[in-house]
């Protein structure tokens, strides 16, 4: 469907900033949320960006 765009669009470039070491979650909280770093805790709130509960 969008193959005609392949010849006209550039390849995407990713940017990953350096992470500074900061405070960390306690082990139990880290296991619940899937990361030890609060800055990386980005829960998925569903379609439309609804409020996470």
PDB file of N, CA and C in Angstrom:
ATOM      1  N   UNK A   1       0.815  -1.194   0.000  1.00  0.00           N
ATOM      2  CA  UNK A   1       0.000   0.000   0.000  1.00  0.00           C
ATOM      3  C   UNK A   1       0.868   1.271   0.000  1.00  0.00           C
ATOM      4  N   UNK A   2       1.954   1.275   0.777  1.00  0.00           N
ATOM      5  CA  UNK A   2       2.789   2.474   0.876  1.00  0.00           C
ATOM      6  C   UNK A   2       4.167   2.267   0.260  1.00  0.00           C
ATOM      7  N   UNK A   3       4.320   1.268  -0.580  1.00  0.00           N
ATOM      8  CA  UNK A   3       5.630   0.961  -1.169  1.00  0.00           C
ATOM      9  C   UNK A   3       6.185   2.128  -1.975  1.00  0.00           C
ATOM     10  N   UNK A   4       5.336   2.938  -2.567  1.00  0.00           N
ATOM     11  CA  UNK A   4       5.808   4.072  -3.356  1.00  0.00           C
ATOM     12  C   UNK A   4       6.542   5.103  -2.490  1.00  0.00           C
ATOM     13  N   UNK A   5       6.317   5.091  -1.186  1.00  0.00           N
ATOM     14  CA  UNK A   5       6.990   6.025  -0.287  1.00  0.00           C
ATOM     15  C   UNK A   5       8.412   5.594   0.038  1.00  0.00           C
ATOM     16  N   UNK A   6       8.726   4.317  -0.119  1.00  0.00           N
ATOM     17  CA  UNK A   6      10.057   3.796   0.225  1.00  0.00           C
ATOM     18  C   UNK A   6      11.171   4.540  -0.491  1.00  0.00           C
ATOM     19  N   UNK A   7      10.933   4.983  -1.700  1.00  0.00           N
ATOM     20  CA  UNK A   7      11.966   5.658  -2.474  1.00  0.00           C
ATOM     21  C   UNK A   7      12.119   7.131  -2.118  1.00  0.00           C
ATOM     22  N   UNK A   8      11.195   7.670  -1.337  1.00  0.00           N
ATOM     23  CA  UNK A   8      11.199   9.110  -1.072  1.00  0.00           C
ATOM     24  C   UNK A   8      11.448   9.491   0.386  1.00  0.00           C
ATOM     25  N   UNK A   9      11.370   8.545   1.267  1.00  0.00           N
ATOM     26  CA  UNK A   9      11.534   8.857   2.685  1.00  0.00           C
ATOM     27  C   UNK A   9      12.902   8.395   3.181  1.00  0.00           C
ATOM     28  N   UNK A  10      13.554   9.201   4.015  1.00  0.00           N
ATOM     29  CA  UNK A  10      14.863   8.795   4.540  1.00  0.00           C
ATOM     30  C   UNK A  10      14.719   7.695   5.595  1.00  0.00           C
ATOM     31  N   UNK A  11      15.810   7.009   5.850  1.00  0.00           N
ATOM     32  CA  UNK A  11      15.853   6.005   6.912  1.00  0.00           C
ATOM     33  C   UNK A  11      15.787   6.744   8.253  1.00  0.00           C
ATOM     34  N   UNK A  12      15.068   6.210   9.194  1.00  0.00           N
ATOM     35  CA  UNK A  12      14.929   6.845  10.502  1.00  0.00           C
ATOM     36  C   UNK A  12      16.236   6.776  11.287  1.00  0.00           C
ATOM     37  N   UNK A  13      16.429   7.750  12.150  1.00  0.00           N
ATOM     38  CA  UNK A  13      17.605   7.786  13.015  1.00  0.00           C
ATOM     39  C   UNK A  13      17.121   7.819  14.462  1.00  0.00           C
ATOM     40  N   UNK A  14      17.712   6.971  15.280  1.00  0.00           N
ATOM     41  CA  UNK A  14      17.335   6.940  16.688  1.00  0.00           C
ATOM     42  C   UNK A  14      18.261   7.796  17.534  1.00  0.00           C
ATOM     43  N   UNK A  15      17.769   8.293  18.630  1.00  0.00           N
ATOM     44  CA  UNK A  15      18.562   9.071  19.571  1.00  0.00           C
ATOM     45  C   UNK A  15      18.325   8.503  20.961  1.00  0.00           C
ATOM     46  N   UNK A  16      19.384   8.106  21.611  1.00  0.00           N
ATOM     47  CA  UNK A  16      19.297   7.569  22.957  1.00  0.00           C
ATOM     48  C   UNK A  16      20.247   8.365  23.845  1.00  0.00           C
ATOM     49  N   UNK A  17      19.720   9.234  24.706  1.00  0.00           N
ATOM     50  CA  UNK A  17      20.592  10.034  25.565  1.00  0.00           C
ATOM     51  C   UNK A  17      21.247   9.173  26.643  1.00  0.00           C
ATOM     52  N   UNK A  18      22.384   9.633  27.117  1.00  0.00           N
ATOM     53  CA  UNK A  18      23.037   8.944  28.215  1.00  0.00           C
ATOM     54  C   UNK A  18      22.176   9.047  29.458  1.00  0.00           C
ATOM     55  N   UNK A  19      22.107   7.968  30.198  1.00  0.00           N
ATOM     56  CA  UNK A  19      21.329   7.958  31.433  1.00  0.00           C
ATOM     57  C   UNK A  19      22.257   8.245  32.591  1.00  0.00           C
ATOM     58  N   UNK A  20      21.919   9.234  33.381  1.00  0.00           N
ATOM     59  CA  UNK A  20      22.701   9.545  34.585  1.00  0.00           C
ATOM     60  C   UNK A  20      22.211   8.637  35.701  1.00  0.00           C
ATOM     61  N   UNK A  21      23.156   8.134  36.497  1.00  0.00           N
ATOM     62  CA  UNK A  21      22.789   7.274  37.618  1.00  0.00           C
ATOM     63  C   UNK A  21      22.096   8.127  38.662  1.00  0.00           C
ATOM     64  N   UNK A  22      20.932   7.722  39.055  1.00  0.00           N
ATOM     65  CA  UNK A  22      20.167   8.464  40.047  1.00  0.00           C
ATOM     66  C   UNK A  22      19.609   7.513  41.080  1.00  0.00           C
ATOM     67  N   UNK A  23      18.515   7.931  41.687  1.00  0.00           N
ATOM     68  CA  UNK A  23      17.902   7.059  42.694  1.00  0.00           C
ATOM     69  C   UNK A  23      17.293   5.840  41.998  1.00  0.00           C
ATOM     70  N   UNK A  24      17.111   4.789  42.769  1.00  0.00           N
ATOM     71  CA  UNK A  24      16.565   3.547  42.238  1.00  0.00           C
ATOM     72  C   UNK A  24      15.388   3.101  43.107  1.00  0.00           C
ATOM     73  N   UNK A  25      14.544   2.255  42.510  1.00  0.00           N
ATOM     74  CA  UNK A  25      13.445   1.665  43.270  1.00  0.00           C
ATOM     75  C   UNK A  25      13.983   0.605  44.219  1.00  0.00           C
ATOM     76  N   UNK A  26      13.229   0.352  45.268  1.00  0.00           N
ATOM     77  CA  UNK A  26      13.486  -0.809  46.112  1.00  0.00           C
ATOM     78  C   UNK A  26      13.223  -2.054  45.268  1.00  0.00           C
ATOM     79  N   UNK A  27      13.831  -3.176  45.618  1.00  0.00           N
ATOM     80  CA  UNK A  27      13.756  -4.392  44.816  1.00  0.00           C
ATOM     81  C   UNK A  27      12.312  -4.821  44.523  1.00  0.00           C
ATOM     82  N   UNK A  28      11.452  -4.840  45.515  1.00  0.00           N
ATOM     83  CA  UNK A  28      10.063  -5.281  45.297  1.00  0.00           C
ATOM     84  C   UNK A  28       9.338  -4.381  44.298  1.00  0.00           C
ATOM     85  N   UNK A  29       9.519  -3.075  44.426  1.00  0.00           N
ATOM     86  CA  UNK A  29       8.889  -2.130  43.495  1.00  0.00           C
ATOM     87  C   UNK A  29       9.471  -2.314  42.090  1.00  0.00           C
ATOM     88  N   UNK A  30      10.787  -2.494  41.997  1.00  0.00           N
ATOM     89  CA  UNK A  30      11.445  -2.689  40.702  1.00  0.00           C
ATOM     90  C   UNK A  30      10.902  -3.926  39.995  1.00  0.00           C
ATOM     91  N   UNK A  31      10.664  -4.990  40.730  1.00  0.00           N
ATOM     92  CA  UNK A  31      10.120  -6.204  40.131  1.00  0.00           C
ATOM     93  C   UNK A  31       8.677  -5.994  39.668  1.00  0.00           C
ATOM     94  N   UNK A  32       7.923  -5.171  40.378  1.00  0.00           N
ATOM     95  CA  UNK A  32       6.532  -4.895  39.999  1.00  0.00           C
ATOM     96  C   UNK A  32       6.453  -4.082  38.713  1.00  0.00           C
ATOM     97  N   UNK A  33       7.320  -3.079  38.575  1.00  0.00           N
ATOM     98  CA  UNK A  33       7.223  -2.165  37.432  1.00  0.00           C
ATOM     99  C   UNK A  33       8.156  -2.525  36.282  1.00  0.00           C
ATOM    100  N   UNK A  34       9.100  -3.453  36.503  1.00  0.00           N
ATOM    101  CA  UNK A  34       9.954  -3.936  35.421  1.00  0.00           C
ATOM    102  C   UNK A  34      11.234  -3.164  35.198  1.00  0.00           C
ATOM    103  N   UNK A  35      11.579  -2.262  36.092  1.00  0.00           N
ATOM    104  CA  UNK A  35      12.840  -1.531  35.987  1.00  0.00           C
ATOM    105  C   UNK A  35      13.258  -1.066  37.367  1.00  0.00           C
ATOM    106  N   UNK A  36      14.554  -0.922  37.544  1.00  0.00           N
ATOM    107  CA  UNK A  36      15.054  -0.422  38.830  1.00  0.00           C
ATOM    108  C   UNK A  36      15.133   1.101  38.832  1.00  0.00           C
ATOM    109  N   UNK A  37      15.048   1.710  37.626  1.00  0.00           N
ATOM    110  CA  UNK A  37      15.205   3.155  37.507  1.00  0.00           C
ATOM    111  C   UNK A  37      13.853   3.860  37.339  1.00  0.00           C
ATOM    112  N   UNK A  38      13.497   4.770  38.261  1.00  0.00           N
ATOM    113  CA  UNK A  38      12.235   5.492  38.154  1.00  0.00           C
ATOM    114  C   UNK A  38      12.102   6.267  36.835  1.00  0.00           C
ATOM    115  N   UNK A  39      13.196   6.781  36.294  1.00  0.00           N
ATOM    116  CA  UNK A  39      13.138   7.535  35.042  1.00  0.00           C
ATOM    117  C   UNK A  39      12.702   6.669  33.863  1.00  0.00           C
ATOM    118  N   UNK A  40      12.890   5.346  33.958  1.00  0.00           N
ATOM    119  CA  UNK A  40      12.510   4.446  32.881  1.00  0.00           C
ATOM    120  C   UNK A  40      11.138   3.815  33.091  1.00  0.00           C
ATOM    121  N   UNK A  41      10.484   4.155  34.167  1.00  0.00           N
ATOM    122  CA  UNK A  41       9.167   3.596  34.471  1.00  0.00           C
ATOM    123  C   UNK A  41       8.118   4.396  33.706  1.00  0.00           C
ATOM    124  N   UNK A  42       7.724   3.862  32.549  1.00  0.00           N
ATOM    125  CA  UNK A  42       6.756   4.525  31.678  1.00  0.00           C
ATOM    126  C   UNK A  42       5.616   3.554  31.395  1.00  0.00           C
ATOM    127  N   UNK A  43       4.638   3.451  32.304  1.00  0.00           N
ATOM    128  CA  UNK A  43       3.548   2.493  32.107  1.00  0.00           C
ATOM    129  C   UNK A  43       2.713   2.833  30.883  1.00  0.00           C
ATOM    130  N   UNK A  44       2.244   1.808  30.199  1.00  0.00           N
ATOM    131  CA  UNK A  44       1.371   1.982  29.047  1.00  0.00           C
ATOM    132  C   UNK A  44      -0.035   2.243  29.544  1.00  0.00           C
ATOM    133  N   UNK A  45      -0.624   3.325  29.097  1.00  0.00           N
ATOM    134  CA  UNK A  45      -1.947   3.728  29.590  1.00  0.00           C
ATOM    135  C   UNK A  45      -3.071   3.410  28.621  1.00  0.00           C
ATOM    136  N   UNK A  46      -2.774   2.737  27.551  1.00  0.00           N
ATOM    137  CA  UNK A  46      -3.812   2.340  26.616  1.00  0.00           C
ATOM    138  C   UNK A  46      -4.043   3.361  25.520  1.00  0.00           C
ATOM    139  N   UNK A  47      -4.924   3.018  24.635  1.00  0.00           N
ATOM    140  CA  UNK A  47      -5.234   3.860  23.486  1.00  0.00           C
ATOM    141  C   UNK A  47      -5.765   5.226  23.936  1.00  0.00           C
ATOM    142  N   UNK A  48      -5.251   6.252  23.328  1.00  0.00           N
ATOM    143  CA  UNK A  48      -5.717   7.597  23.643  1.00  0.00           C
ATOM    144  C   UNK A  48      -5.016   8.239  24.819  1.00  0.00           C
ATOM    145  N   UNK A  49      -4.048   7.539  25.436  1.00  0.00           N
ATOM    146  CA  UNK A  49      -3.301   8.131  26.542  1.00  0.00           C
ATOM    147  C   UNK A  49      -4.139   8.380  27.769  1.00  0.00           C
ATOM    148  N   UNK A  50      -5.068   7.508  28.040  1.00  0.00           N
ATOM    149  CA  UNK A  50      -5.915   7.657  29.221  1.00  0.00           C
ATOM    150  C   UNK A  50      -5.120   7.662  30.510  1.00  0.00           C
ATOM    151  N   UNK A  51      -5.753   7.988  31.566  1.00  0.00           N
ATOM    152  CA  UNK A  51      -5.101   8.047  32.878  1.00  0.00           C
ATOM    153  C   UNK A  51      -4.819   6.638  33.376  1.00  0.00           C
ATOM    154  N   UNK A  52      -3.565   6.404  33.765  1.00  0.00           N
ATOM    155  CA  UNK A  52      -3.188   5.088  34.326  1.00  0.00           C
ATOM    156  C   UNK A  52      -3.689   5.005  35.756  1.00  0.00           C
ATOM    157  N   UNK A  53      -4.151   3.825  36.108  1.00  0.00           N
ATOM    158  CA  UNK A  53      -4.624   3.635  37.484  1.00  0.00           C
ATOM    159  C   UNK A  53      -3.894   2.513  38.131  1.00  0.00           C
TER     160      UNK A  53
END
